[in-house]
């Protein structure tokens, strides 16, 4: 989970973070919501509580990179949404997956236009 820089949009940051952290490229297909969380690593004199705000997006993956910036500290694995929610240690990520992604996917599946999650 990274942040966005002052010179980029939240969408550009999300696409960049997908490359840096997971080694994947694709299309952002849906904004799932903002989620507030407390960060131990972002506590400072300006924000002693360490409160942060994450923007979560659904990404239709089109390319898996053979190497990426954080591959030495992160392992890429493919999970179903329920598996990812179950493995997450953060309640706000679980909420984004269960409510945000599931609501989006259900809506577009009914309309017949959701990207096929198995087509990577």
PDB file of N, CA and C in Angstrom:
ATOM      1  N   UNK A   1       0.843  -1.163   0.000  1.00  0.00           N
ATOM      2  CA  UNK A   1       0.000   0.000   0.000  1.00  0.00           C
ATOM      3  C   UNK A   1       0.889   1.227   0.000  1.00  0.00           C
ATOM      4  N   UNK A   2       0.764   1.996  -1.002  1.00  0.00           N
ATOM      5  CA  UNK A   2       1.581   3.186  -1.094  1.00  0.00           C
ATOM      6  C   UNK A   2       0.732   4.430  -1.130  1.00  0.00           C
ATOM      7  N   UNK A   3       1.397   5.529  -1.310  1.00  0.00           N
ATOM      8  CA  UNK A   3       0.683   6.793  -1.360  1.00  0.00           C
ATOM      9  C   UNK A   3       0.760   7.396  -2.733  1.00  0.00           C
ATOM     10  N   UNK A   4       0.077   8.518  -2.883  1.00  0.00           N
ATOM     11  CA  UNK A   4       0.190   9.189  -4.164  1.00  0.00           C
ATOM     12  C   UNK A   4       0.942  10.482  -3.988  1.00  0.00           C
ATOM     13  N   UNK A   5       1.667  10.822  -5.032  1.00  0.00           N
ATOM     14  CA  UNK A   5       2.516  12.000  -5.034  1.00  0.00           C
ATOM     15  C   UNK A   5       1.693  13.228  -5.397  1.00  0.00           C
ATOM     16  N   UNK A   6       2.218  14.402  -5.059  1.00  0.00           N
ATOM     17  CA  UNK A   6       1.509  15.653  -5.342  1.00  0.00           C
ATOM     18  C   UNK A   6       1.315  15.905  -6.832  1.00  0.00           C
ATOM     19  N   UNK A   7       2.178  15.338  -7.667  1.00  0.00           N
ATOM     20  CA  UNK A   7       2.100  15.608  -9.101  1.00  0.00           C
ATOM     21  C   UNK A   7       1.357  14.528  -9.889  1.00  0.00           C
ATOM     22  N   UNK A   8       0.585  13.670  -9.212  1.00  0.00           N
ATOM     23  CA  UNK A   8      -0.161  12.634  -9.918  1.00  0.00           C
ATOM     24  C   UNK A   8      -1.578  12.534  -9.354  1.00  0.00           C
ATOM     25  N   UNK A   9      -2.469  12.041 -10.180  1.00  0.00           N
ATOM     26  CA  UNK A   9      -3.841  11.819  -9.729  1.00  0.00           C
ATOM     27  C   UNK A   9      -3.882  10.536  -8.905  1.00  0.00           C
ATOM     28  N   UNK A  10      -4.958  10.342  -8.181  1.00  0.00           N
ATOM     29  CA  UNK A  10      -5.113   9.119  -7.411  1.00  0.00           C
ATOM     30  C   UNK A  10      -5.159   7.909  -8.344  1.00  0.00           C
ATOM     31  N   UNK A  11      -5.719   8.074  -9.533  1.00  0.00           N
ATOM     32  CA  UNK A  11      -5.760   6.979 -10.511  1.00  0.00           C
ATOM     33  C   UNK A  11      -4.353   6.633 -11.011  1.00  0.00           C
ATOM     34  N   UNK A  12      -3.543   7.651 -11.288  1.00  0.00           N
ATOM     35  CA  UNK A  12      -2.158   7.411 -11.714  1.00  0.00           C
ATOM     36  C   UNK A  12      -1.376   6.717 -10.603  1.00  0.00           C
ATOM     37  N   UNK A  13      -1.620   7.126  -9.365  1.00  0.00           N
ATOM     38  CA  UNK A  13      -0.937   6.494  -8.233  1.00  0.00           C
ATOM     39  C   UNK A  13      -1.328   5.028  -8.107  1.00  0.00           C
ATOM     40  N   UNK A  14      -2.611   4.726  -8.274  1.00  0.00           N
ATOM     41  CA  UNK A  14      -3.073   3.341  -8.175  1.00  0.00           C
ATOM     42  C   UNK A  14      -2.422   2.463  -9.245  1.00  0.00           C
ATOM     43  N   UNK A  15      -2.339   2.969 -10.469  1.00  0.00           N
ATOM     44  CA  UNK A  15      -1.706   2.213 -11.554  1.00  0.00           C
ATOM     45  C   UNK A  15      -0.214   2.015 -11.273  1.00  0.00           C
ATOM     46  N   UNK A  16       0.445   3.045 -10.772  1.00  0.00           N
ATOM     47  CA  UNK A  16       1.872   2.951 -10.441  1.00  0.00           C
ATOM     48  C   UNK A  16       2.094   1.951  -9.310  1.00  0.00           C
ATOM     49  N   UNK A  17       1.261   2.010  -8.279  1.00  0.00           N
ATOM     50  CA  UNK A  17       1.409   1.089  -7.150  1.00  0.00           C
ATOM     51  C   UNK A  17       1.183  -0.362  -7.567  1.00  0.00           C
ATOM     52  N   UNK A  18       0.270  -0.597  -8.502  1.00  0.00           N
ATOM     53  CA  UNK A  18       0.040  -1.966  -8.997  1.00  0.00           C
ATOM     54  C   UNK A  18       1.302  -2.514  -9.649  1.00  0.00           C
ATOM     55  N   UNK A  19       1.998  -1.670 -10.386  1.00  0.00           N
ATOM     56  CA  UNK A  19       3.258  -2.087 -11.016  1.00  0.00           C
ATOM     57  C   UNK A  19       4.329  -2.309  -9.959  1.00  0.00           C
ATOM     58  N   UNK A  20       4.504  -1.336  -9.052  1.00  0.00           N
ATOM     59  CA  UNK A  20       5.562  -1.420  -8.049  1.00  0.00           C
ATOM     60  C   UNK A  20       5.374  -2.593  -7.091  1.00  0.00           C
ATOM     61  N   UNK A  21       4.146  -2.782  -6.599  1.00  0.00           N
ATOM     62  CA  UNK A  21       3.914  -3.770  -5.551  1.00  0.00           C
ATOM     63  C   UNK A  21       3.562  -5.162  -6.062  1.00  0.00           C
ATOM     64  N   UNK A  22       2.873  -5.261  -7.186  1.00  0.00           N
ATOM     65  CA  UNK A  22       2.419  -6.563  -7.663  1.00  0.00           C
ATOM     66  C   UNK A  22       2.971  -6.948  -9.027  1.00  0.00           C
ATOM     67  N   UNK A  23       3.591  -6.002  -9.724  1.00  0.00           N
ATOM     68  CA  UNK A  23       4.127  -6.315 -11.039  1.00  0.00           C
ATOM     69  C   UNK A  23       3.054  -6.598 -12.064  1.00  0.00           C
ATOM     70  N   UNK A  24       1.966  -5.836 -12.008  1.00  0.00           N
ATOM     71  CA  UNK A  24       0.885  -6.007 -12.982  1.00  0.00           C
ATOM     72  C   UNK A  24       0.515  -4.665 -13.592  1.00  0.00           C
ATOM     73  N   UNK A  25       0.086  -4.729 -14.851  1.00  0.00           N
ATOM     74  CA  UNK A  25      -0.444  -3.556 -15.559  1.00  0.00           C
ATOM     75  C   UNK A  25      -1.847  -3.893 -16.031  1.00  0.00           C
ATOM     76  N   UNK A  26      -2.671  -2.853 -16.128  1.00  0.00           N
ATOM     77  CA  UNK A  26      -4.022  -3.083 -16.609  1.00  0.00           C
ATOM     78  C   UNK A  26      -4.816  -1.802 -16.622  1.00  0.00           C
ATOM     79  N   UNK A  27      -6.114  -1.958 -16.675  1.00  0.00           N
ATOM     80  CA  UNK A  27      -7.023  -0.815 -16.705  1.00  0.00           C
ATOM     81  C   UNK A  27      -7.761  -0.719 -15.377  1.00  0.00           C
ATOM     82  N   UNK A  28      -7.766   0.483 -14.805  1.00  0.00           N
ATOM     83  CA  UNK A  28      -8.616   0.722 -13.647  1.00  0.00           C
ATOM     84  C   UNK A  28     -10.048   0.734 -14.153  1.00  0.00           C
ATOM     85  N   UNK A  29     -10.862  -0.156 -13.643  1.00  0.00           N
ATOM     86  CA  UNK A  29     -12.216  -0.274 -14.171  1.00  0.00           C
ATOM     87  C   UNK A  29     -13.278   0.286 -13.237  1.00  0.00           C
ATOM     88  N   UNK A  30     -12.937   0.473 -11.958  1.00  0.00           N
ATOM     89  CA  UNK A  30     -13.944   0.992 -11.041  1.00  0.00           C
ATOM     90  C   UNK A  30     -13.293   1.497  -9.766  1.00  0.00           C
ATOM     91  N   UNK A  31     -13.707   2.672  -9.337  1.00  0.00           N
ATOM     92  CA  UNK A  31     -13.331   3.194  -8.025  1.00  0.00           C
ATOM     93  C   UNK A  31     -14.246   2.527  -7.013  1.00  0.00           C
ATOM     94  N   UNK A  32     -13.669   1.860  -6.012  1.00  0.00           N
ATOM     95  CA  UNK A  32     -14.464   1.126  -5.032  1.00  0.00           C
ATOM     96  C   UNK A  32     -14.736   1.920  -3.767  1.00  0.00           C
ATOM     97  N   UNK A  33     -13.967   2.983  -3.549  1.00  0.00           N
ATOM     98  CA  UNK A  33     -14.243   3.819  -2.388  1.00  0.00           C
ATOM     99  C   UNK A  33     -12.992   4.264  -1.674  1.00  0.00           C
ATOM    100  N   UNK A  34     -13.201   5.214  -0.763  1.00  0.00           N
ATOM    101  CA  UNK A  34     -12.148   5.668   0.142  1.00  0.00           C
ATOM    102  C   UNK A  34     -12.354   4.967   1.480  1.00  0.00           C
ATOM    103  N   UNK A  35     -11.254   4.580   2.103  1.00  0.00           N
ATOM    104  CA  UNK A  35     -11.298   3.912   3.395  1.00  0.00           C
ATOM    105  C   UNK A  35     -10.256   4.537   4.307  1.00  0.00           C
ATOM    106  N   UNK A  36     -10.667   4.891   5.522  1.00  0.00           N
ATOM    107  CA  UNK A  36      -9.760   5.484   6.500  1.00  0.00           C
ATOM    108  C   UNK A  36      -9.132   4.392   7.344  1.00  0.00           C
ATOM    109  N   UNK A  37      -7.856   4.577   7.658  1.00  0.00           N
ATOM    110  CA  UNK A  37      -7.159   3.619   8.503  1.00  0.00           C
ATOM    111  C   UNK A  37      -6.061   4.322   9.286  1.00  0.00           C
ATOM    112  N   UNK A  38      -5.597   3.663  10.337  1.00  0.00           N
ATOM    113  CA  UNK A  38      -4.542   4.212  11.175  1.00  0.00           C
ATOM    114  C   UNK A  38      -3.215   3.547  10.802  1.00  0.00           C
ATOM    115  N   UNK A  39      -2.202   4.371  10.577  1.00  0.00           N
ATOM    116  CA  UNK A  39      -0.892   3.877  10.169  1.00  0.00           C
ATOM    117  C   UNK A  39       0.144   4.167  11.251  1.00  0.00           C
ATOM    118  N   UNK A  40       0.856   3.140  11.668  1.00  0.00           N
ATOM    119  CA  UNK A  40       1.942   3.347  12.628  1.00  0.00           C
ATOM    120  C   UNK A  40       3.129   4.032  11.964  1.00  0.00           C
ATOM    121  N   UNK A  41       3.338   3.765  10.674  1.00  0.00           N
ATOM    122  CA  UNK A  41       4.506   4.317   9.985  1.00  0.00           C
ATOM    123  C   UNK A  41       4.307   5.749   9.515  1.00  0.00           C
ATOM    124  N   UNK A  42       3.066   6.272   9.563  1.00  0.00           N
ATOM    125  CA  UNK A  42       2.814   7.640   9.103  1.00  0.00           C
ATOM    126  C   UNK A  42       2.427   8.584  10.234  1.00  0.00           C
ATOM    127  N   UNK A  43       2.857   8.271  11.452  1.00  0.00           N
ATOM    128  CA  UNK A  43       2.614   9.170  12.570  1.00  0.00           C
ATOM    129  C   UNK A  43       3.753  10.181  12.622  1.00  0.00           C
ATOM    130  N   UNK A  44       3.398  11.461  12.674  1.00  0.00           N
ATOM    131  CA  UNK A  44       4.407  12.504  12.790  1.00  0.00           C
ATOM    132  C   UNK A  44       3.792  13.710  13.469  1.00  0.00           C
ATOM    133  N   UNK A  45       4.534  14.820  13.515  1.00  0.00           N
ATOM    134  CA  UNK A  45       4.030  16.015  14.198  1.00  0.00           C
ATOM    135  C   UNK A  45       2.797  16.611  13.525  1.00  0.00           C
ATOM    136  N   UNK A  46       2.616  16.345  12.222  1.00  0.00           N
ATOM    137  CA  UNK A  46       1.461  16.872  11.502  1.00  0.00           C
ATOM    138  C   UNK A  46       0.233  15.986  11.656  1.00  0.00           C
ATOM    139  N   UNK A  47       0.464  14.722  11.930  1.00  0.00           N
ATOM    140  CA  UNK A  47      -0.645  13.768  12.078  1.00  0.00           C
ATOM    141  C   UNK A  47      -0.268  12.746  13.152  1.00  0.00           C
ATOM    142  N   UNK A  48      -0.302  13.162  14.440  1.00  0.00           N
ATOM    143  CA  UNK A  48       0.137  12.255  15.511  1.00  0.00           C
ATOM    144  C   UNK A  48      -0.722  10.995  15.633  1.00  0.00           C
ATOM    145  N   UNK A  49      -1.961  11.061  15.166  1.00  0.00           N
ATOM    146  CA  UNK A  49      -2.835   9.883  15.230  1.00  0.00           C
ATOM    147  C   UNK A  49      -2.511   8.887  14.120  1.00  0.00           C
ATOM    148  N   UNK A  50      -1.789   9.326  13.090  1.00  0.00           N
ATOM    149  CA  UNK A  50      -1.438   8.444  11.983  1.00  0.00           C
ATOM    150  C   UNK A  50      -2.612   8.074  11.102  1.00  0.00           C
ATOM    151  N   UNK A  51      -3.628   8.929  11.045  1.00  0.00           N
ATOM    152  CA  UNK A  51      -4.798   8.621  10.218  1.00  0.00           C
ATOM    153  C   UNK A  51      -4.475   8.843   8.738  1.00  0.00           C
ATOM    154  N   UNK A  52      -4.830   7.871   7.936  1.00  0.00           N
ATOM    155  CA  UNK A  52      -4.586   7.917   6.492  1.00  0.00           C
ATOM    156  C   UNK A  52      -5.879   7.579   5.767  1.00  0.00           C
ATOM    157  N   UNK A  53      -5.881   7.871   4.490  1.00  0.00           N
ATOM    158  CA  UNK A  53      -7.042   7.568   3.653  1.00  0.00           C
ATOM    159  C   UNK A  53      -6.561   6.820   2.419  1.00  0.00           C
ATOM    160  N   UNK A  54      -7.149   5.668   2.177  1.00  0.00           N
ATOM    161  CA  UNK A  54      -6.795   4.856   1.011  1.00  0.00           C
ATOM    162  C   UNK A  54      -7.900   4.944  -0.023  1.00  0.00           C
ATOM    163  N   UNK A  55      -7.507   4.968  -1.279  1.00  0.00           N
ATOM    164  CA  UNK A  55      -8.445   4.886  -2.392  1.00  0.00           C
ATOM    165  C   UNK A  55      -8.274   3.499  -3.004  1.00  0.00           C
ATOM    166  N   UNK A  56      -9.364   2.773  -3.138  1.00  0.00           N
ATOM    167  CA  UNK A  56      -9.310   1.404  -3.645  1.00  0.00           C
ATOM    168  C   UNK A  56      -9.969   1.352  -5.028  1.00  0.00           C
ATOM    169  N   UNK A  57      -9.299   0.677  -5.954  1.00  0.00           N
ATOM    170  CA  UNK A  57      -9.797   0.524  -7.319  1.00  0.00           C
ATOM    171  C   UNK A  57      -9.792  -0.950  -7.714  1.00  0.00           C
ATOM    172  N   UNK A  58     -10.716  -1.325  -8.573  1.00  0.00           N
ATOM    173  CA  UNK A  58     -10.659  -2.627  -9.233  1.00  0.00           C
ATOM    174  C   UNK A  58      -9.791  -2.443 -10.473  1.00  0.00           C
ATOM    175  N   UNK A  59      -8.860  -3.359 -10.682  1.00  0.00           N
ATOM    176  CA  UNK A  59      -7.946  -3.301 -11.814  1.00  0.00           C
ATOM    177  C   UNK A  59      -8.159  -4.532 -12.682  1.00  0.00           C
ATOM    178  N   UNK A  60      -8.429  -4.323 -13.954  1.00  0.00           N
ATOM    179  CA  UNK A  60      -8.514  -5.427 -14.910  1.00  0.00           C
ATOM    180  C   UNK A  60      -7.091  -5.665 -15.410  1.00  0.00           C
ATOM    181  N   UNK A  61      -6.472  -6.716 -14.913  1.00  0.00           N
ATOM    182  CA  UNK A  61      -5.074  -7.001 -15.226  1.00  0.00           C
ATOM    183  C   UNK A  61      -4.949  -7.488 -16.665  1.00  0.00           C
ATOM    184  N   UNK A  62      -4.031  -6.854 -17.386  1.00  0.00           N
ATOM    185  CA  UNK A  62      -3.776  -7.231 -18.778  1.00  0.00           C
ATOM    186  C   UNK A  62      -2.364  -7.765 -18.991  1.00  0.00           C
ATOM    187  N   UNK A  63      -1.476  -7.500 -18.022  1.00  0.00           N
ATOM    188  CA  UNK A  63      -0.085  -7.925 -18.190  1.00  0.00           C
ATOM    189  C   UNK A  63       0.548  -8.211 -16.833  1.00  0.00           C
ATOM    190  N   UNK A  64       1.225  -9.351 -16.744  1.00  0.00           N
ATOM    191  CA  UNK A  64       2.015  -9.697 -15.570  1.00  0.00           C
ATOM    192  C   UNK A  64       3.481  -9.493 -15.934  1.00  0.00           C
ATOM    193  N   UNK A  65       4.184  -8.667 -15.178  1.00  0.00           N
ATOM    194  CA  UNK A  65       5.585  -8.386 -15.448  1.00  0.00           C
ATOM    195  C   UNK A  65       6.468  -9.487 -14.857  1.00  0.00           C
ATOM    196  N   UNK A  66       7.545  -9.814 -15.548  1.00  0.00           N
ATOM    197  CA  UNK A  66       8.474 -10.830 -15.060  1.00  0.00           C
ATOM    198  C   UNK A  66       9.263 -10.310 -13.862  1.00  0.00           C
ATOM    199  N   UNK A  67       9.501  -9.013 -13.826  1.00  0.00           N
ATOM    200  CA  UNK A  67      10.180  -8.412 -12.675  1.00  0.00           C
ATOM    201  C   UNK A  67       9.518  -7.073 -12.383  1.00  0.00           C
ATOM    202  N   UNK A  68       9.557  -6.672 -11.110  1.00  0.00           N
ATOM    203  CA  UNK A  68       8.957  -5.420 -10.688  1.00  0.00           C
ATOM    204  C   UNK A  68       9.703  -4.901  -9.467  1.00  0.00           C
ATOM    205  N   UNK A  69       9.565  -3.618  -9.152  1.00  0.00           N
ATOM    206  CA  UNK A  69      10.383  -2.993  -8.113  1.00  0.00           C
ATOM    207  C   UNK A  69      10.361  -3.674  -6.743  1.00  0.00           C
ATOM    208  N   UNK A  70       9.229  -4.174  -6.279  1.00  0.00           N
ATOM    209  CA  UNK A  70       9.150  -4.722  -4.925  1.00  0.00           C
ATOM    210  C   UNK A  70       9.073  -6.248  -4.884  1.00  0.00           C
ATOM    211  N   UNK A  71       9.541  -6.901  -5.934  1.00  0.00           N
ATOM    212  CA  UNK A  71       9.432  -8.361  -5.970  1.00  0.00           C
ATOM    213  C   UNK A  71      10.268  -9.048  -4.902  1.00  0.00           C
ATOM    214  N   UNK A  72      11.298  -8.386  -4.393  1.00  0.00           N
ATOM    215  CA  UNK A  72      12.117  -9.012  -3.348  1.00  0.00           C
ATOM    216  C   UNK A  72      11.424  -8.999  -1.985  1.00  0.00           C
ATOM    217  N   UNK A  73      10.404  -8.139  -1.819  1.00  0.00           N
ATOM    218  CA  UNK A  73       9.708  -8.073  -0.528  1.00  0.00           C
ATOM    219  C   UNK A  73       8.233  -8.451  -0.630  1.00  0.00           C
ATOM    220  N   UNK A  74       7.738  -8.679  -1.842  1.00  0.00           N
ATOM    221  CA  UNK A  74       6.334  -9.042  -2.034  1.00  0.00           C
ATOM    222  C   UNK A  74       6.234 -10.223  -2.993  1.00  0.00           C
ATOM    223  N   UNK A  75       5.307 -11.103  -2.687  1.00  0.00           N
ATOM    224  CA  UNK A  75       5.062 -12.252  -3.551  1.00  0.00           C
ATOM    225  C   UNK A  75       3.686 -12.087  -4.190  1.00  0.00           C
ATOM    226  N   UNK A  76       3.623 -12.203  -5.484  1.00  0.00           N
ATOM    227  CA  UNK A  76       2.349 -12.088  -6.198  1.00  0.00           C
ATOM    228  C   UNK A  76       1.644 -13.444  -6.157  1.00  0.00           C
ATOM    229  N   UNK A  77       0.367 -13.419  -5.834  1.00  0.00           N
ATOM    230  CA  UNK A  77      -0.452 -14.627  -5.920  1.00  0.00           C
ATOM    231  C   UNK A  77      -1.865 -14.210  -6.290  1.00  0.00           C
ATOM    232  N   UNK A  78      -2.548 -15.095  -6.985  1.00  0.00           N
ATOM    233  CA  UNK A  78      -3.900 -14.808  -7.448  1.00  0.00           C
ATOM    234  C   UNK A  78      -4.889 -15.502  -6.538  1.00  0.00           C
ATOM    235  N   UNK A  79      -5.848 -14.712  -6.046  1.00  0.00           N
ATOM    236  CA  UNK A  79      -6.858 -15.206  -5.118  1.00  0.00           C
ATOM    237  C   UNK A  79      -8.245 -14.787  -5.590  1.00  0.00           C
ATOM    238  N   UNK A  80      -9.239 -15.512  -5.144  1.00  0.00           N
ATOM    239  CA  UNK A  80     -10.603 -15.042  -5.351  1.00  0.00           C
ATOM    240  C   UNK A  80     -10.834 -13.879  -4.383  1.00  0.00           C
ATOM    241  N   UNK A  81     -11.883 -13.105  -4.600  1.00  0.00           N
ATOM    242  CA  UNK A  81     -12.191 -11.998  -3.692  1.00  0.00           C
ATOM    243  C   UNK A  81     -12.420 -12.504  -2.268  1.00  0.00           C
ATOM    244  N   UNK A  82     -13.202 -13.563  -2.047  1.00  0.00           N
ATOM    245  CA  UNK A  82     -13.368 -14.052  -0.672  1.00  0.00           C
ATOM    246  C   UNK A  82     -12.047 -14.508  -0.033  1.00  0.00           C
ATOM    247  N   UNK A  83     -11.178 -15.153  -0.809  1.00  0.00           N
ATOM    248  CA  UNK A  83      -9.877 -15.575  -0.277  1.00  0.00           C
ATOM    249  C   UNK A  83      -9.034 -14.368   0.113  1.00  0.00           C
ATOM    250  N   UNK A  84      -9.028 -13.345  -0.727  1.00  0.00           N
ATOM    251  CA  UNK A  84      -8.252 -12.138  -0.431  1.00  0.00           C
ATOM    252  C   UNK A  84      -8.778 -11.451   0.819  1.00  0.00           C
ATOM    253  N   UNK A  85     -10.088 -11.361   0.957  1.00  0.00           N
ATOM    254  CA  UNK A  85     -10.684 -10.732   2.140  1.00  0.00           C
ATOM    255  C   UNK A  85     -10.323 -11.519   3.400  1.00  0.00           C
ATOM    256  N   UNK A  86     -10.379 -12.827   3.305  1.00  0.00           N
ATOM    257  CA  UNK A  86     -10.071 -13.670   4.459  1.00  0.00           C
ATOM    258  C   UNK A  86      -8.610 -13.529   4.895  1.00  0.00           C
ATOM    259  N   UNK A  87      -7.713 -13.391   3.943  1.00  0.00           N
ATOM    260  CA  UNK A  87      -6.284 -13.293   4.255  1.00  0.00           C
ATOM    261  C   UNK A  87      -5.829 -11.899   4.689  1.00  0.00           C
ATOM    262  N   UNK A  88      -6.641 -10.885   4.406  1.00  0.00           N
ATOM    263  CA  UNK A  88      -6.229  -9.527   4.737  1.00  0.00           C
ATOM    264  C   UNK A  88      -6.218  -9.315   6.250  1.00  0.00           C
ATOM    265  N   UNK A  89      -5.181  -8.649   6.726  1.00  0.00           N
ATOM    266  CA  UNK A  89      -5.109  -8.342   8.157  1.00  0.00           C
ATOM    267  C   UNK A  89      -5.749  -7.004   8.488  1.00  0.00           C
ATOM    268  N   UNK A  90      -6.205  -6.285   7.466  1.00  0.00           N
ATOM    269  CA  UNK A  90      -6.800  -4.968   7.666  1.00  0.00           C
ATOM    270  C   UNK A  90      -8.303  -5.008   7.448  1.00  0.00           C
ATOM    271  N   UNK A  91      -9.087  -4.629   8.455  1.00  0.00           N
ATOM    272  CA  UNK A  91     -10.547  -4.634   8.298  1.00  0.00           C
ATOM    273  C   UNK A  91     -11.035  -3.743   7.159  1.00  0.00           C
ATOM    274  N   UNK A  92     -10.377  -2.613   6.925  1.00  0.00           N
ATOM    275  CA  UNK A  92     -10.821  -1.712   5.855  1.00  0.00           C
ATOM    276  C   UNK A  92     -10.582  -2.323   4.478  1.00  0.00           C
ATOM    277  N   UNK A  93      -9.550  -3.140   4.321  1.00  0.00           N
ATOM    278  CA  UNK A  93      -9.326  -3.835   3.044  1.00  0.00           C
ATOM    279  C   UNK A  93     -10.390  -4.920   2.871  1.00  0.00           C
ATOM    280  N   UNK A  94     -10.691  -5.625   3.953  1.00  0.00           N
ATOM    281  CA  UNK A  94     -11.752  -6.624   3.895  1.00  0.00           C
ATOM    282  C   UNK A  94     -13.065  -5.979   3.460  1.00  0.00           C
ATOM    283  N   UNK A  95     -13.379  -4.817   4.046  1.00  0.00           N
ATOM    284  CA  UNK A  95     -14.617  -4.108   3.683  1.00  0.00           C
ATOM    285  C   UNK A  95     -14.612  -3.704   2.213  1.00  0.00           C
ATOM    286  N   UNK A  96     -13.475  -3.186   1.736  1.00  0.00           N
ATOM    287  CA  UNK A  96     -13.388  -2.781   0.328  1.00  0.00           C
ATOM    288  C   UNK A  96     -13.611  -3.970  -0.587  1.00  0.00           C
ATOM    289  N   UNK A  97     -13.035  -5.100  -0.240  1.00  0.00           N
ATOM    290  CA  UNK A  97     -13.195  -6.287  -1.072  1.00  0.00           C
ATOM    291  C   UNK A  97     -14.615  -6.830  -1.026  1.00  0.00           C
ATOM    292  N   UNK A  98     -15.131  -6.968   0.165  1.00  0.00           N
ATOM    293  CA  UNK A  98     -16.446  -7.594   0.313  1.00  0.00           C
ATOM    294  C   UNK A  98     -17.556  -6.679  -0.180  1.00  0.00           C
ATOM    295  N   UNK A  99     -17.569  -5.443   0.269  1.00  0.00           N
ATOM    296  CA  UNK A  99     -18.676  -4.563  -0.119  1.00  0.00           C
ATOM    297  C   UNK A  99     -18.399  -3.842  -1.429  1.00  0.00           C
ATOM    298  N   UNK A 100     -17.232  -3.206  -1.534  1.00  0.00           N
ATOM    299  CA  UNK A 100     -16.929  -2.421  -2.729  1.00  0.00           C
ATOM    300  C   UNK A 100     -16.815  -3.250  -3.984  1.00  0.00           C
ATOM    301  N   UNK A 101     -15.916  -4.216  -3.985  1.00  0.00           N
ATOM    302  CA  UNK A 101     -15.711  -5.016  -5.190  1.00  0.00           C
ATOM    303  C   UNK A 101     -16.918  -5.879  -5.501  1.00  0.00           C
ATOM    304  N   UNK A 102     -17.449  -6.527  -4.496  1.00  0.00           N
ATOM    305  CA  UNK A 102     -18.578  -7.422  -4.740  1.00  0.00           C
ATOM    306  C   UNK A 102     -19.777  -6.668  -5.303  1.00  0.00           C
ATOM    307  N   UNK A 103     -20.064  -5.483  -4.765  1.00  0.00           N
ATOM    308  CA  UNK A 103     -21.192  -4.691  -5.279  1.00  0.00           C
ATOM    309  C   UNK A 103     -20.947  -4.291  -6.728  1.00  0.00           C
ATOM    310  N   UNK A 104     -19.720  -3.862  -7.028  1.00  0.00           N
ATOM    311  CA  UNK A 104     -19.397  -3.475  -8.405  1.00  0.00           C
ATOM    312  C   UNK A 104     -19.518  -4.670  -9.335  1.00  0.00           C
ATOM    313  N   UNK A 105     -18.916  -5.788  -8.948  1.00  0.00           N
ATOM    314  CA  UNK A 105     -18.906  -6.958  -9.817  1.00  0.00           C
ATOM    315  C   UNK A 105     -20.317  -7.489 -10.042  1.00  0.00           C
ATOM    316  N   UNK A 106     -21.121  -7.539  -8.987  1.00  0.00           N
ATOM    317  CA  UNK A 106     -22.498  -8.014  -9.131  1.00  0.00           C
ATOM    318  C   UNK A 106     -23.280  -7.120 -10.091  1.00  0.00           C
ATOM    319  N   UNK A 107     -23.102  -5.806  -9.950  1.00  0.00           N
ATOM    320  CA  UNK A 107     -23.812  -4.859 -10.808  1.00  0.00           C
ATOM    321  C   UNK A 107     -23.465  -5.080 -12.272  1.00  0.00           C
ATOM    322  N   UNK A 108     -22.173  -5.199 -12.566  1.00  0.00           N
ATOM    323  CA  UNK A 108     -21.754  -5.324 -13.958  1.00  0.00           C
ATOM    324  C   UNK A 108     -21.935  -6.738 -14.504  1.00  0.00           C
ATOM    325  N   UNK A 109     -21.906  -7.736 -13.646  1.00  0.00           N
ATOM    326  CA  UNK A 109     -22.172  -9.097 -14.112  1.00  0.00           C
ATOM    327  C   UNK A 109     -23.605  -9.228 -14.586  1.00  0.00           C
ATOM    328  N   UNK A 110     -24.522  -8.590 -13.834  1.00  0.00           N
ATOM    329  CA  UNK A 110     -25.933  -8.611 -14.229  1.00  0.00           C
ATOM    330  C   UNK A 110     -26.129  -7.923 -15.575  1.00  0.00           C
ATOM    331  N   UNK A 111     -25.343  -6.848 -15.810  1.00  0.00           N
ATOM    332  CA  UNK A 111     -25.468  -6.116 -17.068  1.00  0.00           C
ATOM    333  C   UNK A 111     -24.724  -6.813 -18.202  1.00  0.00           C
ATOM    334  N   UNK A 112     -23.881  -7.806 -17.855  1.00  0.00           N
ATOM    335  CA  UNK A 112     -23.156  -8.555 -18.863  1.00  0.00           C
ATOM    336  C   UNK A 112     -21.925  -7.852 -19.408  1.00  0.00           C
ATOM    337  N   UNK A 113     -21.395  -6.848 -18.680  1.00  0.00           N
ATOM    338  CA  UNK A 113     -20.252  -6.121 -19.215  1.00  0.00           C
ATOM    339  C   UNK A 113     -19.063  -6.040 -18.263  1.00  0.00           C
ATOM    340  N   UNK A 114     -19.025  -6.839 -17.225  1.00  0.00           N
ATOM    341  CA  UNK A 114     -17.877  -6.824 -16.314  1.00  0.00           C
ATOM    342  C   UNK A 114     -16.693  -7.507 -16.985  1.00  0.00           C
ATOM    343  N   UNK A 115     -15.473  -6.991 -16.764  1.00  0.00           N
ATOM    344  CA  UNK A 115     -14.306  -7.698 -17.299  1.00  0.00           C
ATOM    345  C   UNK A 115     -14.229  -9.088 -16.688  1.00  0.00           C
ATOM    346  N   UNK A 116     -13.855 -10.051 -17.465  1.00  0.00           N
ATOM    347  CA  UNK A 116     -13.712 -11.424 -16.978  1.00  0.00           C
ATOM    348  C   UNK A 116     -12.461 -11.488 -16.109  1.00  0.00           C
ATOM    349  N   UNK A 117     -12.606 -11.770 -14.784  1.00  0.00           N
ATOM    350  CA  UNK A 117     -11.445 -11.784 -13.905  1.00  0.00           C
ATOM    351  C   UNK A 117     -10.447 -12.887 -14.243  1.00  0.00           C
ATOM    352  N   UNK A 118     -10.862 -13.901 -15.004  1.00  0.00           N
ATOM    353  CA  UNK A 118      -9.925 -14.966 -15.351  1.00  0.00           C
ATOM    354  C   UNK A 118      -9.105 -14.637 -16.589  1.00  0.00           C
ATOM    355  N   UNK A 119      -9.429 -13.543 -17.282  1.00  0.00           N
ATOM    356  CA  UNK A 119      -8.670 -13.183 -18.489  1.00  0.00           C
ATOM    357  C   UNK A 119      -7.549 -12.219 -18.131  1.00  0.00           C
ATOM    358  N   UNK A 120      -6.395 -12.761 -17.863  1.00  0.00           N
ATOM    359  CA  UNK A 120      -5.238 -11.945 -17.512  1.00  0.00           C
ATOM    360  C   UNK A 120      -4.252 -12.019 -18.625  1.00  0.00           C
TER     361      UNK A 120
END
